[in-house]
Amino acid sequence: MKDSDRRELVTYRLHKAKETISEIELHLQNEFWNTSVNRMYYACFFAVSALLINDDIKAQTHAGVRQMFGLHFVKTGKIEIELGKFYTDIFDKRMSSDYEDFMEFEKEEVLELYAQANLFVTRIIQLLDMEV
């Protein structure tokens, strides 16, 4: 991939991350807790995928994205360990809310996750030193 194409894709993914974070407000207002968690995960996923694309790191699956993020950014200290743990946690919670029967998140937990998701996306945008 050419550098200009890579940069355009990184910008697009970061825009998707910010757009997805902003849509969560509507889900929270309507008390769609599980949907909010799903969108938080995807906002973080778009941000992490932008980070990987920027560094030309390939991953084919969501689990692969998580693994490459941990290997290339968390273990190297480029991203704080707490944020790496959050990404794993939001991945697991999204899987539970999407696929487990009778899994319902509570308002307080979702609001706490939302604050962390905002911090996560903001930190990646800062790391990439980009405006979106």
N, C-alpha and C. Protein backbone atom coordinates (compact mmCIF):
# COMPACT_ATOMS: atom_id res chain seq x y z
N MET A 1 0.85 -1.18 0.00
CA MET A 1 0.00 0.00 0.00
C MET A 1 0.90 1.24 0.00
N LYS A 2 0.56 2.19 -0.84
CA LYS A 2 1.32 3.44 -0.90
C LYS A 2 1.10 4.24 0.39
N ASP A 3 2.09 5.04 0.74
CA ASP A 3 2.01 5.85 1.95
C ASP A 3 0.78 6.76 1.95
N SER A 4 0.47 7.36 0.82
CA SER A 4 -0.69 8.26 0.74
C SER A 4 -1.99 7.49 0.96
N ASP A 5 -2.08 6.28 0.42
CA ASP A 5 -3.27 5.44 0.62
C ASP A 5 -3.37 5.01 2.08
N ARG A 6 -2.23 4.66 2.66
CA ARG A 6 -2.21 4.24 4.07
C ARG A 6 -2.69 5.39 4.96
N ARG A 7 -2.17 6.58 4.72
CA ARG A 7 -2.55 7.74 5.52
C ARG A 7 -4.04 8.04 5.39
N GLU A 8 -4.57 7.90 4.18
CA GLU A 8 -5.99 8.13 3.95
C GLU A 8 -6.83 7.10 4.72
N LEU A 9 -6.40 5.85 4.71
CA LEU A 9 -7.13 4.80 5.42
C LEU A 9 -7.04 5.01 6.94
N VAL A 10 -5.89 5.41 7.43
CA VAL A 10 -5.73 5.71 8.86
C VAL A 10 -6.69 6.83 9.26
N THR A 11 -6.74 7.89 8.48
CA THR A 11 -7.63 9.02 8.75
C THR A 11 -9.08 8.55 8.74
N TYR A 12 -9.44 7.72 7.77
CA TYR A 12 -10.81 7.20 7.68
C TYR A 12 -11.17 6.39 8.92
N ARG A 13 -10.27 5.49 9.35
CA ARG A 13 -10.55 4.66 10.52
C ARG A 13 -10.66 5.51 11.79
N LEU A 14 -9.83 6.52 11.92
CA LEU A 14 -9.93 7.40 13.09
C LEU A 14 -11.24 8.19 13.06
N HIS A 15 -11.65 8.61 11.88
CA HIS A 15 -12.94 9.29 11.75
C HIS A 15 -14.07 8.35 12.17
N LYS A 16 -14.00 7.10 11.75
CA LYS A 16 -15.01 6.11 12.13
C LYS A 16 -15.02 5.91 13.65
N ALA A 17 -13.84 5.90 14.26
CA ALA A 17 -13.74 5.75 15.72
C ALA A 17 -14.44 6.92 16.42
N LYS A 18 -14.15 8.14 15.99
CA LYS A 18 -14.77 9.33 16.60
C LYS A 18 -16.28 9.36 16.34
N GLU A 19 -16.69 9.01 15.14
CA GLU A 19 -18.11 8.99 14.80
C GLU A 19 -18.85 7.96 15.66
N THR A 20 -18.25 6.81 15.84
CA THR A 20 -18.87 5.75 16.62
C THR A 20 -18.96 6.14 18.08
N ILE A 21 -17.92 6.77 18.62
CA ILE A 21 -17.96 7.26 20.00
C ILE A 21 -19.11 8.26 20.17
N SER A 22 -19.27 9.15 19.21
CA SER A 22 -20.31 10.17 19.34
C SER A 22 -21.72 9.57 19.26
N GLU A 23 -21.90 8.50 18.52
CA GLU A 23 -23.24 7.90 18.42
C GLU A 23 -23.65 7.19 19.70
N ILE A 24 -22.68 6.87 20.54
CA ILE A 24 -22.98 6.16 21.80
C ILE A 24 -23.88 7.00 22.69
N GLU A 25 -23.74 8.32 22.64
CA GLU A 25 -24.58 9.21 23.44
C GLU A 25 -26.07 8.90 23.25
N LEU A 26 -26.47 8.66 22.01
CA LEU A 26 -27.88 8.34 21.73
C LEU A 26 -28.30 7.03 22.37
N HIS A 27 -27.41 6.04 22.32
CA HIS A 27 -27.72 4.75 22.94
C HIS A 27 -27.82 4.88 24.45
N LEU A 28 -26.94 5.69 25.03
CA LEU A 28 -26.99 5.91 26.48
C LEU A 28 -28.27 6.62 26.88
N GLN A 29 -28.65 7.64 26.14
CA GLN A 29 -29.87 8.38 26.45
C GLN A 29 -31.10 7.48 26.40
N ASN A 30 -31.06 6.49 25.51
CA ASN A 30 -32.19 5.58 25.37
C ASN A 30 -32.04 4.31 26.21
N GLU A 31 -31.00 4.28 27.03
CA GLU A 31 -30.73 3.16 27.94
C GLU A 31 -30.52 1.83 27.21
N PHE A 32 -29.89 1.90 26.06
CA PHE A 32 -29.51 0.70 25.33
C PHE A 32 -28.10 0.33 25.77
N TRP A 33 -28.00 -0.29 26.93
CA TRP A 33 -26.70 -0.54 27.55
C TRP A 33 -25.85 -1.50 26.74
N ASN A 34 -26.41 -2.60 26.30
CA ASN A 34 -25.63 -3.58 25.53
C ASN A 34 -25.19 -3.02 24.18
N THR A 35 -26.07 -2.28 23.54
CA THR A 35 -25.71 -1.67 22.27
C THR A 35 -24.59 -0.64 22.47
N SER A 36 -24.65 0.06 23.58
CA SER A 36 -23.59 1.03 23.90
C SER A 36 -22.24 0.33 24.02
N VAL A 37 -22.22 -0.81 24.68
CA VAL A 37 -20.98 -1.57 24.83
C VAL A 37 -20.47 -2.04 23.47
N ASN A 38 -21.37 -2.50 22.64
CA ASN A 38 -20.99 -2.92 21.29
C ASN A 38 -20.33 -1.77 20.54
N ARG A 39 -20.93 -0.60 20.57
CA ARG A 39 -20.40 0.55 19.84
C ARG A 39 -19.08 1.03 20.44
N MET A 40 -18.93 0.91 21.76
CA MET A 40 -17.65 1.27 22.40
C MET A 40 -16.54 0.38 21.87
N TYR A 41 -16.84 -0.92 21.81
CA TYR A 41 -15.82 -1.83 21.29
C TYR A 41 -15.44 -1.43 19.86
N TYR A 42 -16.43 -1.18 19.02
CA TYR A 42 -16.12 -0.87 17.62
C TYR A 42 -15.38 0.46 17.48
N ALA A 43 -15.69 1.43 18.31
CA ALA A 43 -14.92 2.68 18.28
C ALA A 43 -13.46 2.40 18.59
N CYS A 44 -13.22 1.59 19.60
CA CYS A 44 -11.85 1.22 19.97
C CYS A 44 -11.20 0.38 18.88
N PHE A 45 -11.95 -0.54 18.30
CA PHE A 45 -11.43 -1.38 17.21
C PHE A 45 -10.99 -0.52 16.03
N PHE A 46 -11.82 0.45 15.64
CA PHE A 46 -11.45 1.32 14.52
C PHE A 46 -10.16 2.09 14.83
N ALA A 47 -10.04 2.56 16.07
CA ALA A 47 -8.84 3.30 16.47
C ALA A 47 -7.61 2.40 16.45
N VAL A 48 -7.73 1.19 16.99
CA VAL A 48 -6.59 0.26 17.00
C VAL A 48 -6.23 -0.14 15.58
N SER A 49 -7.22 -0.38 14.75
CA SER A 49 -6.91 -0.77 13.37
C SER A 49 -6.19 0.37 12.65
N ALA A 50 -6.54 1.61 12.94
CA ALA A 50 -5.81 2.75 12.37
C ALA A 50 -4.35 2.73 12.80
N LEU A 51 -4.12 2.43 14.05
CA LEU A 51 -2.77 2.36 14.59
C LEU A 51 -1.96 1.27 13.88
N LEU A 52 -2.58 0.11 13.70
CA LEU A 52 -1.89 -1.00 13.03
C LEU A 52 -1.62 -0.67 11.56
N ILE A 53 -2.60 -0.11 10.89
CA ILE A 53 -2.43 0.26 9.47
C ILE A 53 -1.30 1.27 9.33
N ASN A 54 -1.28 2.24 10.23
CA ASN A 54 -0.24 3.27 10.19
C ASN A 54 1.16 2.67 10.23
N ASP A 55 1.32 1.60 11.01
CA ASP A 55 2.62 0.95 11.15
C ASP A 55 2.77 -0.26 10.24
N ASP A 56 1.84 -0.42 9.30
CA ASP A 56 1.87 -1.52 8.34
C ASP A 56 1.91 -2.89 9.02
N ILE A 57 1.11 -3.03 10.08
CA ILE A 57 0.99 -4.29 10.80
C ILE A 57 -0.30 -4.96 10.37
N LYS A 58 -0.20 -6.17 9.90
CA LYS A 58 -1.36 -6.88 9.36
C LYS A 58 -2.04 -7.73 10.43
N ALA A 59 -3.38 -7.75 10.38
CA ALA A 59 -4.19 -8.62 11.23
C ALA A 59 -5.46 -8.94 10.45
N GLN A 60 -5.88 -10.18 10.50
CA GLN A 60 -7.02 -10.62 9.70
C GLN A 60 -8.34 -10.72 10.48
N THR A 61 -8.25 -10.80 11.80
CA THR A 61 -9.45 -11.00 12.62
C THR A 61 -9.45 -10.00 13.78
N HIS A 62 -10.57 -9.93 14.46
CA HIS A 62 -10.65 -9.08 15.65
C HIS A 62 -9.65 -9.55 16.71
N ALA A 63 -9.57 -10.85 16.89
CA ALA A 63 -8.60 -11.39 17.85
C ALA A 63 -7.17 -11.07 17.40
N GLY A 64 -6.93 -11.11 16.11
CA GLY A 64 -5.61 -10.77 15.58
C GLY A 64 -5.27 -9.31 15.80
N VAL A 65 -6.24 -8.44 15.64
CA VAL A 65 -6.04 -7.01 15.90
C VAL A 65 -5.67 -6.83 17.37
N ARG A 66 -6.39 -7.49 18.23
CA ARG A 66 -6.12 -7.39 19.68
C ARG A 66 -4.72 -7.91 19.99
N GLN A 67 -4.35 -9.01 19.39
CA GLN A 67 -3.03 -9.61 19.63
C GLN A 67 -1.91 -8.69 19.12
N MET A 68 -2.05 -8.17 17.92
CA MET A 68 -1.02 -7.29 17.35
C MET A 68 -0.91 -5.98 18.14
N PHE A 69 -2.03 -5.47 18.60
CA PHE A 69 -2.04 -4.27 19.43
C PHE A 69 -1.23 -4.52 20.71
N GLY A 70 -1.50 -5.64 21.35
CA GLY A 70 -0.76 -5.98 22.58
C GLY A 70 0.72 -6.14 22.33
N LEU A 71 1.04 -6.85 21.27
CA LEU A 71 2.44 -7.15 20.96
C LEU A 71 3.24 -5.91 20.56
N HIS A 72 2.67 -5.09 19.71
CA HIS A 72 3.43 -3.97 19.14
C HIS A 72 3.27 -2.64 19.87
N PHE A 73 2.23 -2.52 20.70
CA PHE A 73 1.99 -1.23 21.34
C PHE A 73 1.95 -1.29 22.86
N VAL A 74 1.34 -2.32 23.42
CA VAL A 74 1.27 -2.41 24.88
C VAL A 74 2.58 -2.96 25.44
N LYS A 75 3.04 -4.07 24.92
CA LYS A 75 4.29 -4.67 25.43
C LYS A 75 5.51 -3.78 25.20
N THR A 76 5.46 -2.94 24.20
CA THR A 76 6.59 -2.04 23.91
C THR A 76 6.51 -0.74 24.72
N GLY A 77 5.40 -0.53 25.43
CA GLY A 77 5.24 0.67 26.24
C GLY A 77 4.73 1.89 25.48
N LYS A 78 4.38 1.72 24.22
CA LYS A 78 3.84 2.85 23.46
C LYS A 78 2.43 3.21 23.93
N ILE A 79 1.73 2.20 24.45
CA ILE A 79 0.39 2.38 25.01
C ILE A 79 0.43 1.83 26.44
N GLU A 80 -0.22 2.55 27.32
CA GLU A 80 -0.24 2.17 28.73
C GLU A 80 -0.91 0.79 28.92
N ILE A 81 -0.38 0.03 29.87
CA ILE A 81 -0.89 -1.31 30.16
C ILE A 81 -2.39 -1.26 30.49
N GLU A 82 -2.80 -0.25 31.23
CA GLU A 82 -4.22 -0.13 31.62
C GLU A 82 -5.12 -0.02 30.40
N LEU A 83 -4.65 0.70 29.38
CA LEU A 83 -5.44 0.82 28.15
C LEU A 83 -5.45 -0.49 27.38
N GLY A 84 -4.35 -1.22 27.41
CA GLY A 84 -4.32 -2.55 26.80
C GLY A 84 -5.30 -3.49 27.47
N LYS A 85 -5.35 -3.43 28.79
CA LYS A 85 -6.31 -4.26 29.54
C LYS A 85 -7.74 -3.85 29.23
N PHE A 86 -7.96 -2.54 29.10
CA PHE A 86 -9.30 -2.07 28.77
C PHE A 86 -9.75 -2.61 27.42
N TYR A 87 -8.85 -2.61 26.43
CA TYR A 87 -9.22 -3.09 25.11
C TYR A 87 -9.62 -4.57 25.15
N THR A 88 -8.88 -5.35 25.90
CA THR A 88 -9.24 -6.77 26.07
C THR A 88 -10.58 -6.88 26.79
N ASP A 89 -10.78 -6.07 27.80
CA ASP A 89 -12.02 -6.11 28.58
C ASP A 89 -13.23 -5.72 27.72
N ILE A 90 -13.11 -4.65 26.93
CA ILE A 90 -14.24 -4.21 26.11
C ILE A 90 -14.52 -5.23 24.99
N PHE A 91 -13.47 -5.89 24.50
CA PHE A 91 -13.65 -6.96 23.52
C PHE A 91 -14.47 -8.09 24.15
N ASP A 92 -14.09 -8.52 25.34
CA ASP A 92 -14.80 -9.61 26.02
C ASP A 92 -16.24 -9.22 26.34
N LYS A 93 -16.44 -8.00 26.80
CA LYS A 93 -17.79 -7.55 27.13
C LYS A 93 -18.67 -7.45 25.88
N ARG A 94 -18.10 -7.00 24.79
CA ARG A 94 -18.86 -6.96 23.54
C ARG A 94 -19.27 -8.36 23.11
N MET A 95 -18.35 -9.30 23.22
CA MET A 95 -18.67 -10.68 22.86
C MET A 95 -19.79 -11.22 23.75
N SER A 96 -19.71 -10.96 25.04
CA SER A 96 -20.74 -11.42 25.97
C SER A 96 -22.09 -10.79 25.66
N SER A 97 -22.10 -9.48 25.45
CA SER A 97 -23.38 -8.81 25.23
C SER A 97 -24.00 -9.19 23.90
N ASP A 98 -23.18 -9.49 22.91
CA ASP A 98 -23.70 -9.85 21.59
C ASP A 98 -24.15 -11.30 21.51
N TYR A 99 -23.50 -12.19 22.26
CA TYR A 99 -23.72 -13.61 22.03
C TYR A 99 -24.26 -14.41 23.21
N GLU A 100 -24.21 -13.88 24.41
CA GLU A 100 -24.69 -14.63 25.57
C GLU A 100 -26.15 -14.28 25.86
N ASP A 101 -26.94 -15.30 26.12
CA ASP A 101 -28.33 -15.07 26.52
C ASP A 101 -28.37 -14.47 27.92
N PHE A 102 -29.34 -13.62 28.13
CA PHE A 102 -29.62 -13.00 29.42
C PHE A 102 -28.49 -12.11 29.94
N MET A 103 -27.60 -11.69 29.07
CA MET A 103 -26.52 -10.79 29.46
C MET A 103 -27.00 -9.36 29.32
N GLU A 104 -27.13 -8.67 30.42
CA GLU A 104 -27.59 -7.28 30.40
C GLU A 104 -26.66 -6.44 31.26
N PHE A 105 -26.09 -5.40 30.68
CA PHE A 105 -25.22 -4.50 31.43
C PHE A 105 -26.06 -3.49 32.20
N GLU A 106 -25.48 -3.01 33.28
CA GLU A 106 -26.12 -2.00 34.12
C GLU A 106 -25.58 -0.61 33.76
N LYS A 107 -26.40 0.39 34.02
CA LYS A 107 -26.08 1.76 33.67
C LYS A 107 -24.72 2.20 34.21
N GLU A 108 -24.44 1.98 35.49
CA GLU A 108 -23.21 2.46 36.11
C GLU A 108 -21.98 1.88 35.43
N GLU A 109 -22.01 0.58 35.14
CA GLU A 109 -20.87 -0.05 34.49
C GLU A 109 -20.66 0.52 33.08
N VAL A 110 -21.76 0.70 32.36
CA VAL A 110 -21.67 1.20 30.99
C VAL A 110 -21.13 2.63 30.97
N LEU A 111 -21.55 3.45 31.90
CA LEU A 111 -21.05 4.83 31.94
C LEU A 111 -19.56 4.86 32.26
N GLU A 112 -19.11 3.97 33.13
CA GLU A 112 -17.68 3.88 33.42
C GLU A 112 -16.90 3.41 32.20
N LEU A 113 -17.43 2.43 31.49
CA LEU A 113 -16.79 1.94 30.27
C LEU A 113 -16.74 3.04 29.21
N TYR A 114 -17.79 3.84 29.15
CA TYR A 114 -17.84 4.91 28.16
C TYR A 114 -16.72 5.92 28.39
N ALA A 115 -16.49 6.28 29.63
CA ALA A 115 -15.40 7.20 29.95
C ALA A 115 -14.05 6.61 29.52
N GLN A 116 -13.88 5.32 29.77
CA GLN A 116 -12.64 4.65 29.38
C GLN A 116 -12.50 4.56 27.87
N ALA A 117 -13.59 4.30 27.17
CA ALA A 117 -13.55 4.20 25.70
C ALA A 117 -13.16 5.55 25.11
N ASN A 118 -13.71 6.62 25.65
CA ASN A 118 -13.34 7.96 25.19
C ASN A 118 -11.84 8.20 25.39
N LEU A 119 -11.35 7.86 26.54
CA LEU A 119 -9.92 8.02 26.85
C LEU A 119 -9.07 7.18 25.90
N PHE A 120 -9.50 5.96 25.65
CA PHE A 120 -8.78 5.04 24.77
C PHE A 120 -8.65 5.62 23.36
N VAL A 121 -9.76 6.04 22.78
CA VAL A 121 -9.75 6.58 21.42
C VAL A 121 -8.91 7.86 21.37
N THR A 122 -9.08 8.71 22.35
CA THR A 122 -8.32 9.96 22.40
C THR A 122 -6.82 9.68 22.48
N ARG A 123 -6.43 8.69 23.27
CA ARG A 123 -5.01 8.35 23.42
C ARG A 123 -4.41 7.87 22.10
N ILE A 124 -5.15 7.08 21.36
CA ILE A 124 -4.64 6.58 20.08
C ILE A 124 -4.53 7.72 19.07
N ILE A 125 -5.50 8.61 19.07
CA ILE A 125 -5.42 9.77 18.18
C ILE A 125 -4.18 10.60 18.53
N GLN A 126 -3.92 10.77 19.81
CA GLN A 126 -2.72 11.50 20.24
C GLN A 126 -1.46 10.78 19.79
N LEU A 127 -1.42 9.47 19.94
CA LEU A 127 -0.26 8.69 19.54
C LEU A 127 0.02 8.84 18.06
N LEU A 128 -1.03 8.86 17.27
CA LEU A 128 -0.88 9.02 15.81
C LEU A 128 -0.64 10.48 15.43
N ASP A 129 -0.83 11.38 16.39
CA ASP A 129 -0.60 12.81 16.16
C ASP A 129 -1.37 13.30 14.94
N MET A 130 -2.70 13.02 14.97
CA MET A 130 -3.55 13.39 13.83
C MET A 130 -4.76 14.17 14.32
N GLU A 131 -5.28 14.99 13.45
CA GLU A 131 -6.52 15.71 13.67
C GLU A 131 -7.64 14.97 12.96
N VAL A 132 -8.75 14.74 13.69
CA VAL A 132 -9.92 14.11 13.06
C VAL A 132 -11.17 14.84 13.49
